[in-house]
C-alpha cells in the first residue's frame, strides 16, 4: 500500500512539473502574441496614415529561370 501511494505521489509531482512548464510556455506565447498584435496595430496605423507604403518586389526573372532549370533537372533525374 505504501509503495502504491509513493508511486502516485511521484506521478503527481511529475504532472505538476509538466503543468508548470506548460503554464510558463503558455505565458510566453501570450506575451509574444501581445507583442505581435501591438506591432501589427502600430504598422497598420502607420500604413493608414500614409507614413509607410507597402510594396511587393517585382519577381526576379533570374530566380524564375533558375527555378525552372532546377525543376527540369529534377524531372530529368526522376525519368532516368
PDB file of N, CA and C in Angstrom:
ATOM      1  N   UNK A   1       0.821  -1.194   0.000  1.00  0.00           N
ATOM      2  CA  UNK A   1       0.000   0.000   0.000  1.00  0.00           C
ATOM      3  C   UNK A   1       0.870   1.266   0.000  1.00  0.00           C
ATOM      4  N   UNK A   2       1.935   1.250   0.795  1.00  0.00           N
ATOM      5  CA  UNK A   2       2.833   2.404   0.874  1.00  0.00           C
ATOM      6  C   UNK A   2       3.516   2.638  -0.469  1.00  0.00           C
ATOM      7  N   UNK A   3       3.928   1.554  -1.111  1.00  0.00           N
ATOM      8  CA  UNK A   3       4.590   1.661  -2.409  1.00  0.00           C
ATOM      9  C   UNK A   3       3.651   2.268  -3.453  1.00  0.00           C
ATOM     10  N   UNK A   4       2.410   1.871  -3.414  1.00  0.00           N
ATOM     11  CA  UNK A   4       1.414   2.391  -4.341  1.00  0.00           C
ATOM     12  C   UNK A   4       1.200   3.891  -4.119  1.00  0.00           C
ATOM     13  N   UNK A   5       1.147   4.288  -2.857  1.00  0.00           N
ATOM     14  CA  UNK A   5       0.980   5.697  -2.506  1.00  0.00           C
ATOM     15  C   UNK A   5       2.194   6.514  -2.946  1.00  0.00           C
ATOM     16  N   UNK A   6       3.387   5.969  -2.734  1.00  0.00           N
ATOM     17  CA  UNK A   6       4.614   6.655  -3.166  1.00  0.00           C
ATOM     18  C   UNK A   6       4.642   6.815  -4.681  1.00  0.00           C
ATOM     19  N   UNK A   7       4.211   5.795  -5.389  1.00  0.00           N
ATOM     20  CA  UNK A   7       4.174   5.840  -6.845  1.00  0.00           C
ATOM     21  C   UNK A   7       3.218   6.932  -7.329  1.00  0.00           C
ATOM     22  N   UNK A   8       2.057   7.008  -6.713  1.00  0.00           N
ATOM     23  CA  UNK A   8       1.086   8.031  -7.089  1.00  0.00           C
ATOM     24  C   UNK A   8       1.608   9.425  -6.738  1.00  0.00           C
ATOM     25  N   UNK A   9       2.312   9.531  -5.620  1.00  0.00           N
ATOM     26  CA  UNK A   9       2.892  10.806  -5.214  1.00  0.00           C
ATOM     27  C   UNK A   9       3.940  11.259  -6.244  1.00  0.00           C
ATOM     28  N   UNK A  10       4.775  10.321  -6.682  1.00  0.00           N
ATOM     29  CA  UNK A  10       5.796  10.636  -7.695  1.00  0.00           C
ATOM     30  C   UNK A  10       5.132  11.066  -9.008  1.00  0.00           C
ATOM     31  N   UNK A  11       4.091  10.370  -9.394  1.00  0.00           N
ATOM     32  CA  UNK A  11       3.372  10.713 -10.624  1.00  0.00           C
ATOM     33  C   UNK A  11       2.767  12.113 -10.517  1.00  0.00           C
ATOM     34  N   UNK A  12       2.225  12.418  -9.340  1.00  0.00           N
ATOM     35  CA  UNK A  12       1.642  13.738  -9.128  1.00  0.00           C
ATOM     36  C   UNK A  12       2.707  14.828  -9.210  1.00  0.00           C
ATOM     37  N   UNK A  13       3.882  14.574  -8.676  1.00  0.00           N
ATOM     38  CA  UNK A  13       4.979  15.543  -8.763  1.00  0.00           C
ATOM     39  C   UNK A  13       5.395  15.771 -10.216  1.00  0.00           C
ATOM     40  N   UNK A  14       5.489  14.687 -10.966  1.00  0.00           N
ATOM     41  CA  UNK A  14       5.861  14.800 -12.384  1.00  0.00           C
ATOM     42  C   UNK A  14       4.811  15.608 -13.140  1.00  0.00           C
ATOM     43  N   UNK A  15       3.543  15.303 -12.911  1.00  0.00           N
ATOM     44  CA  UNK A  15       2.465  16.027 -13.595  1.00  0.00           C
ATOM     45  C   UNK A  15       2.440  17.503 -13.214  1.00  0.00           C
ATOM     46  N   UNK A  16       2.701  17.794 -11.941  1.00  0.00           N
ATOM     47  CA  UNK A  16       2.696  19.205 -11.526  1.00  0.00           C
ATOM     48  C   UNK A  16       3.862  19.961 -12.153  1.00  0.00           C
ATOM     49  N   UNK A  17       5.021  19.297 -12.326  1.00  0.00           N
ATOM     50  CA  UNK A  17       6.153  19.941 -13.014  1.00  0.00           C
ATOM     51  C   UNK A  17       5.806  20.204 -14.483  1.00  0.00           C
ATOM     52  N   UNK A  18       5.185  19.211 -15.116  1.00  0.00           N
ATOM     53  CA  UNK A  18       4.789  19.383 -16.509  1.00  0.00           C
ATOM     54  C   UNK A  18       3.757  20.495 -16.655  1.00  0.00           C
ATOM     55  N   UNK A  19       2.827  20.564 -15.717  1.00  0.00           N
ATOM     56  CA  UNK A  19       1.821  21.620 -15.744  1.00  0.00           C
ATOM     57  C   UNK A  19       2.482  22.984 -15.605  1.00  0.00           C
ATOM     58  N   UNK A  20       3.437  23.106 -14.696  1.00  0.00           N
ATOM     59  CA  UNK A  20       4.142  24.381 -14.507  1.00  0.00           C
ATOM     60  C   UNK A  20       4.891  24.773 -15.779  1.00  0.00           C
ATOM     61  N   UNK A  21       5.521  23.803 -16.426  1.00  0.00           N
ATOM     62  CA  UNK A  21       6.248  24.085 -17.671  1.00  0.00           C
ATOM     63  C   UNK A  21       5.279  24.535 -18.766  1.00  0.00           C
ATOM     64  N   UNK A  22       4.133  23.870 -18.859  1.00  0.00           N
ATOM     65  CA  UNK A  22       3.133  24.241 -19.865  1.00  0.00           C
ATOM     66  C   UNK A  22       2.568  25.634 -19.586  1.00  0.00           C
ATOM     67  N   UNK A  23       2.345  25.946 -18.328  1.00  0.00           N
ATOM     68  CA  UNK A  23       1.835  27.267 -17.977  1.00  0.00           C
ATOM     69  C   UNK A  23       2.862  28.348 -18.317  1.00  0.00           C
ATOM     70  N   UNK A  24       4.131  28.059 -18.078  1.00  0.00           N
ATOM     71  CA  UNK A  24       5.191  29.013 -18.413  1.00  0.00           C
ATOM     72  C   UNK A  24       5.239  29.231 -19.922  1.00  0.00           C
ATOM     73  N   UNK A  25       5.170  28.137 -20.689  1.00  0.00           N
ATOM     74  CA  UNK A  25       5.186  28.245 -22.140  1.00  0.00           C
ATOM     75  C   UNK A  25       3.970  29.025 -22.628  1.00  0.00           C
ATOM     76  N   UNK A  26       2.807  28.771 -22.041  1.00  0.00           N
ATOM     77  CA  UNK A  26       1.585  29.490 -22.404  1.00  0.00           C
ATOM     78  C   UNK A  26       1.746  30.989 -22.165  1.00  0.00           C
ATOM     79  N   UNK A  27       2.315  31.333 -21.007  1.00  0.00           N
ATOM     80  CA  UNK A  27       2.514  32.748 -20.686  1.00  0.00           C
ATOM     81  C   UNK A  27       3.480  33.409 -21.670  1.00  0.00           C
ATOM     82  N   UNK A  28       4.536  32.699 -22.040  1.00  0.00           N
ATOM     83  CA  UNK A  28       5.489  33.236 -23.003  1.00  0.00           C
ATOM     84  C   UNK A  28       4.829  33.434 -24.366  1.00  0.00           C
ATOM     85  N   UNK A  29       4.013  32.469 -24.785  1.00  0.00           N
ATOM     86  CA  UNK A  29       3.324  32.581 -26.062  1.00  0.00           C
ATOM     87  C   UNK A  29       2.300  33.714 -26.051  1.00  0.00           C
ATOM     88  N   UNK A  30       1.623  33.899 -24.922  1.00  0.00           N
ATOM     89  CA  UNK A  30       0.678  35.005 -24.815  1.00  0.00           C
ATOM     90  C   UNK A  30       1.407  36.338 -24.926  1.00  0.00           C
ATOM     91  N   UNK A  31       2.569  36.430 -24.291  1.00  0.00           N
ATOM     92  CA  UNK A  31       3.368  37.652 -24.360  1.00  0.00           C
ATOM     93  C   UNK A  31       3.805  37.921 -25.800  1.00  0.00           C
ATOM     94  N   UNK A  32       4.270  36.880 -26.478  1.00  0.00           N
ATOM     95  CA  UNK A  32       4.677  37.031 -27.879  1.00  0.00           C
ATOM     96  C   UNK A  32       3.492  37.457 -28.739  1.00  0.00           C
ATOM     97  N   UNK A  33       2.331  36.870 -28.511  1.00  0.00           N
ATOM     98  CA  UNK A  33       1.135  37.220 -29.285  1.00  0.00           C
ATOM     99  C   UNK A  33       0.751  38.677 -29.032  1.00  0.00           C
ATOM    100  N   UNK A  34       0.841  39.116 -27.791  1.00  0.00           N
ATOM    101  CA  UNK A  34       0.524  40.506 -27.470  1.00  0.00           C
ATOM    102  C   UNK A  34       1.504  41.461 -28.151  1.00  0.00           C
ATOM    103  N   UNK A  35       2.790  41.087 -28.150  1.00  0.00           N
ATOM    104  CA  UNK A  35       3.800  41.929 -28.801  1.00  0.00           C
ATOM    105  C   UNK A  35       3.542  42.004 -30.305  1.00  0.00           C
ATOM    106  N   UNK A  36       3.214  40.865 -30.923  1.00  0.00           N
ATOM    107  CA  UNK A  36       2.915  40.852 -32.356  1.00  0.00           C
ATOM    108  C   UNK A  36       1.663  41.671 -32.667  1.00  0.00           C
ATOM    109  N   UNK A  37       0.665  41.524 -31.818  1.00  0.00           N
ATOM    110  CA  UNK A  37      -0.578  42.277 -32.015  1.00  0.00           C
ATOM    111  C   UNK A  37      -0.298  43.777 -31.936  1.00  0.00           C
ATOM    112  N   UNK A  38       0.501  44.181 -30.965  1.00  0.00           N
ATOM    113  CA  UNK A  38       0.853  45.588 -30.800  1.00  0.00           C
ATOM    114  C   UNK A  38       1.638  46.101 -32.006  1.00  0.00           C
ATOM    115  N   UNK A  39       2.608  45.312 -32.467  1.00  0.00           N
ATOM    116  CA  UNK A  39       3.408  45.681 -33.639  1.00  0.00           C
ATOM    117  C   UNK A  39       2.505  45.806 -34.872  1.00  0.00           C
ATOM    118  N   UNK A  40       1.579  44.858 -35.036  1.00  0.00           N
ATOM    119  CA  UNK A  40       0.645  44.888 -36.161  1.00  0.00           C
ATOM    120  C   UNK A  40      -0.203  46.160 -36.123  1.00  0.00           C
ATOM    121  N   UNK A  41      -0.746  46.482 -34.950  1.00  0.00           N
ATOM    122  CA  UNK A  41      -1.584  47.667 -34.825  1.00  0.00           C
ATOM    123  C   UNK A  41      -0.787  48.928 -35.153  1.00  0.00           C
ATOM    124  N   UNK A  42       0.465  48.973 -34.698  1.00  0.00           N
ATOM    125  CA  UNK A  42       1.326  50.119 -34.974  1.00  0.00           C
ATOM    126  C   UNK A  42       1.591  50.254 -36.472  1.00  0.00           C
ATOM    127  N   UNK A  43       1.943  49.147 -37.119  1.00  0.00           N
ATOM    128  CA  UNK A  43       2.199  49.179 -38.562  1.00  0.00           C
ATOM    129  C   UNK A  43       0.937  49.515 -39.344  1.00  0.00           C
ATOM    130  N   UNK A  44      -0.188  48.983 -38.902  1.00  0.00           N
ATOM    131  CA  UNK A  44      -1.460  49.256 -39.568  1.00  0.00           C
ATOM    132  C   UNK A  44      -1.781  50.743 -39.495  1.00  0.00           C
ATOM    133  N   UNK A  45      -1.559  51.341 -38.322  1.00  0.00           N
ATOM    134  CA  UNK A  45      -1.813  52.777 -38.160  1.00  0.00           C
ATOM    135  C   UNK A  45      -0.882  53.590 -39.048  1.00  0.00           C
ATOM    136  N   UNK A  46       0.391  53.170 -39.149  1.00  0.00           N
ATOM    137  CA  UNK A  46       1.339  53.891 -39.990  1.00  0.00           C
ATOM    138  C   UNK A  46       0.940  53.809 -41.463  1.00  0.00           C
ATOM    139  N   UNK A  47       0.477  52.650 -41.900  1.00  0.00           N
ATOM    140  CA  UNK A  47       0.051  52.483 -43.290  1.00  0.00           C
ATOM    141  C   UNK A  47      -1.187  53.326 -43.557  1.00  0.00           C
ATOM    142  N   UNK A  48      -2.132  53.315 -42.632  1.00  0.00           N
ATOM    143  CA  UNK A  48      -3.359  54.088 -42.816  1.00  0.00           C
ATOM    144  C   UNK A  48      -3.082  55.586 -42.827  1.00  0.00           C
ATOM    145  N   UNK A  49      -2.068  56.014 -42.081  1.00  0.00           N
ATOM    146  CA  UNK A  49      -1.721  57.437 -42.044  1.00  0.00           C
ATOM    147  C   UNK A  49      -0.809  57.835 -43.199  1.00  0.00           C
ATOM    148  N   UNK A  50      -0.440  56.887 -44.035  1.00  0.00           N
ATOM    149  CA  UNK A  50       0.400  57.187 -45.183  1.00  0.00           C
ATOM    150  C   UNK A  50       1.875  57.314 -44.839  1.00  0.00           C
ATOM    151  N   UNK A  51       2.267  56.921 -43.634  1.00  0.00           N
ATOM    152  CA  UNK A  51       3.667  57.024 -43.237  1.00  0.00           C
ATOM    153  C   UNK A  51       4.518  55.925 -43.850  1.00  0.00           C
ATOM    154  N   UNK A  52       3.884  54.806 -44.163  1.00  0.00           N
ATOM    155  CA  UNK A  52       4.603  53.664 -44.727  1.00  0.00           C
ATOM    156  C   UNK A  52       3.819  53.177 -45.935  1.00  0.00           C
ATOM    157  N   UNK A  53       4.535  52.883 -47.001  1.00  0.00           N
ATOM    158  CA  UNK A  53       3.890  52.314 -48.187  1.00  0.00           C
ATOM    159  C   UNK A  53       4.310  50.863 -48.304  1.00  0.00           C
ATOM    160  N   UNK A  54       3.345  50.021 -48.561  1.00  0.00           N
ATOM    161  CA  UNK A  54       3.638  48.610 -48.751  1.00  0.00           C
ATOM    162  C   UNK A  54       3.794  48.349 -50.239  1.00  0.00           C
ATOM    163  N   UNK A  55       4.862  47.682 -50.597  1.00  0.00           N
ATOM    164  CA  UNK A  55       5.045  47.322 -51.999  1.00  0.00           C
ATOM    165  C   UNK A  55       5.684  45.950 -52.058  1.00  0.00           C
ATOM    166  N   UNK A  56       5.290  45.233 -53.050  1.00  0.00           N
ATOM    167  CA  UNK A  56       5.858  43.906 -53.263  1.00  0.00           C
ATOM    168  C   UNK A  56       6.935  44.035 -54.326  1.00  0.00           C
ATOM    169  N   UNK A  57       8.089  43.418 -54.117  1.00  0.00           N
ATOM    170  CA  UNK A  57       9.130  43.497 -55.131  1.00  0.00           C
ATOM    171  C   UNK A  57       8.723  42.722 -56.381  1.00  0.00           C
ATOM    172  N   UNK A  58       9.192  43.204 -57.521  1.00  0.00           N
ATOM    173  CA  UNK A  58       8.912  42.514 -58.779  1.00  0.00           C
ATOM    174  C   UNK A  58       9.613  41.166 -58.759  1.00  0.00           C
ATOM    175  N   UNK A  59       9.014  40.158 -59.352  1.00  0.00           N
ATOM    176  CA  UNK A  59       9.655  38.836 -59.342  1.00  0.00           C
ATOM    177  C   UNK A  59      10.970  38.884 -60.113  1.00  0.00           C
ATOM    178  N   UNK A  60      11.905  38.184 -59.639  1.00  0.00           N
ATOM    179  CA  UNK A  60      13.218  38.143 -60.274  1.00  0.00           C
ATOM    180  C   UNK A  60      13.190  37.113 -61.404  1.00  0.00           C
ATOM    181  N   UNK A  61      13.492  37.579 -62.597  1.00  0.00           N
ATOM    182  CA  UNK A  61      13.499  36.669 -63.738  1.00  0.00           C
ATOM    183  C   UNK A  61      14.647  35.673 -63.633  1.00  0.00           C
ATOM    184  N   UNK A  62      15.744  36.107 -63.025  1.00  0.00           N
ATOM    185  CA  UNK A  62      16.867  35.188 -62.842  1.00  0.00           C
ATOM    186  C   UNK A  62      16.450  34.041 -61.923  1.00  0.00           C
ATOM    187  N   UNK A  63      15.729  34.371 -60.835  1.00  0.00           N
ATOM    188  CA  UNK A  63      15.275  33.333 -59.914  1.00  0.00           C
ATOM    189  C   UNK A  63      14.268  32.406 -60.601  1.00  0.00           C
ATOM    190  N   UNK A  64      13.379  32.989 -61.398  1.00  0.00           N
ATOM    191  CA  UNK A  64      12.378  32.179 -62.108  1.00  0.00           C
ATOM    192  C   UNK A  64      13.075  31.216 -63.074  1.00  0.00           C
ATOM    193  N   UNK A  65      14.088  31.718 -63.780  1.00  0.00           N
ATOM    194  CA  UNK A  65      14.823  30.863 -64.716  1.00  0.00           C
ATOM    195  C   UNK A  65      15.554  29.762 -63.958  1.00  0.00           C
ATOM    196  N   UNK A  66      16.150  30.122 -62.832  1.00  0.00           N
ATOM    197  CA  UNK A  66      16.853  29.128 -62.014  1.00  0.00           C
ATOM    198  C   UNK A  66      15.879  28.061 -61.525  1.00  0.00           C
ATOM    199  N   UNK A  67      14.709  28.484 -61.051  1.00  0.00           N
ATOM    200  CA  UNK A  67      13.710  27.537 -60.554  1.00  0.00           C
ATOM    201  C   UNK A  67      13.275  26.588 -61.657  1.00  0.00           C
ATOM    202  N   UNK A  68      13.046  27.142 -62.842  1.00  0.00           N
ATOM    203  CA  UNK A  68      12.616  26.312 -63.966  1.00  0.00           C
ATOM    204  C   UNK A  68      13.704  25.306 -64.333  1.00  0.00           C
ATOM    205  N   UNK A  69      14.955  25.763 -64.382  1.00  0.00           N
ATOM    206  CA  UNK A  69      16.071  24.876 -64.707  1.00  0.00           C
ATOM    207  C   UNK A  69      16.217  23.796 -63.654  1.00  0.00           C
ATOM    208  N   UNK A  70      16.104  24.204 -62.397  1.00  0.00           N
ATOM    209  CA  UNK A  70      16.224  23.252 -61.295  1.00  0.00           C
ATOM    210  C   UNK A  70      15.118  22.202 -61.361  1.00  0.00           C
ATOM    211  N   UNK A  71      13.874  22.652 -61.644  1.00  0.00           N
ATOM    212  CA  UNK A  71      12.766  21.692 -61.730  1.00  0.00           C
ATOM    213  C   UNK A  71      12.968  20.738 -62.891  1.00  0.00           C
ATOM    214  N   UNK A  72      13.448  21.254 -64.039  1.00  0.00           N
ATOM    215  CA  UNK A  72      13.636  20.335 -65.155  1.00  0.00           C
ATOM    216  C   UNK A  72      14.754  19.350 -64.876  1.00  0.00           C
ATOM    217  N   UNK A  73      15.784  19.791 -64.170  1.00  0.00           N
ATOM    218  CA  UNK A  73      16.845  18.848 -63.802  1.00  0.00           C
ATOM    219  C   UNK A  73      16.309  17.762 -62.886  1.00  0.00           C
ATOM    220  N   UNK A  74      15.480  18.142 -61.950  1.00  0.00           N
ATOM    221  CA  UNK A  74      14.893  17.147 -61.043  1.00  0.00           C
ATOM    222  C   UNK A  74      14.044  16.157 -61.806  1.00  0.00           C
ATOM    223  N   UNK A  75      13.250  16.656 -62.758  1.00  0.00           N
ATOM    224  CA  UNK A  75      12.414  15.767 -63.557  1.00  0.00           C
ATOM    225  C   UNK A  75      13.280  14.831 -64.397  1.00  0.00           C
ATOM    226  N   UNK A  76      14.364  15.373 -64.948  1.00  0.00           N
ATOM    227  CA  UNK A  76      15.239  14.549 -65.772  1.00  0.00           C
ATOM    228  C   UNK A  76      15.805  13.405 -64.939  1.00  0.00           C
ATOM    229  N   UNK A  77      16.203  13.683 -63.695  1.00  0.00           N
ATOM    230  CA  UNK A  77      16.749  12.633 -62.833  1.00  0.00           C
ATOM    231  C   UNK A  77      15.694  11.604 -62.457  1.00  0.00           C
ATOM    232  N   UNK A  78      14.446  12.064 -62.299  1.00  0.00           N
ATOM    233  CA  UNK A  78      13.378  11.128 -61.959  1.00  0.00           C
ATOM    234  C   UNK A  78      13.046  10.209 -63.134  1.00  0.00           C
ATOM    235  N   UNK A  79      13.122  10.723 -64.337  1.00  0.00           N
ATOM    236  CA  UNK A  79      12.776   9.929 -65.528  1.00  0.00           C
ATOM    237  C   UNK A  79      13.830   8.871 -65.806  1.00  0.00           C
ATOM    238  N   UNK A  80      15.098   9.239 -65.630  1.00  0.00           N
ATOM    239  CA  UNK A  80      16.200   8.302 -65.956  1.00  0.00           C
ATOM    240  C   UNK A  80      16.275   7.145 -65.030  1.00  0.00           C
TER     241      UNK A  80
END
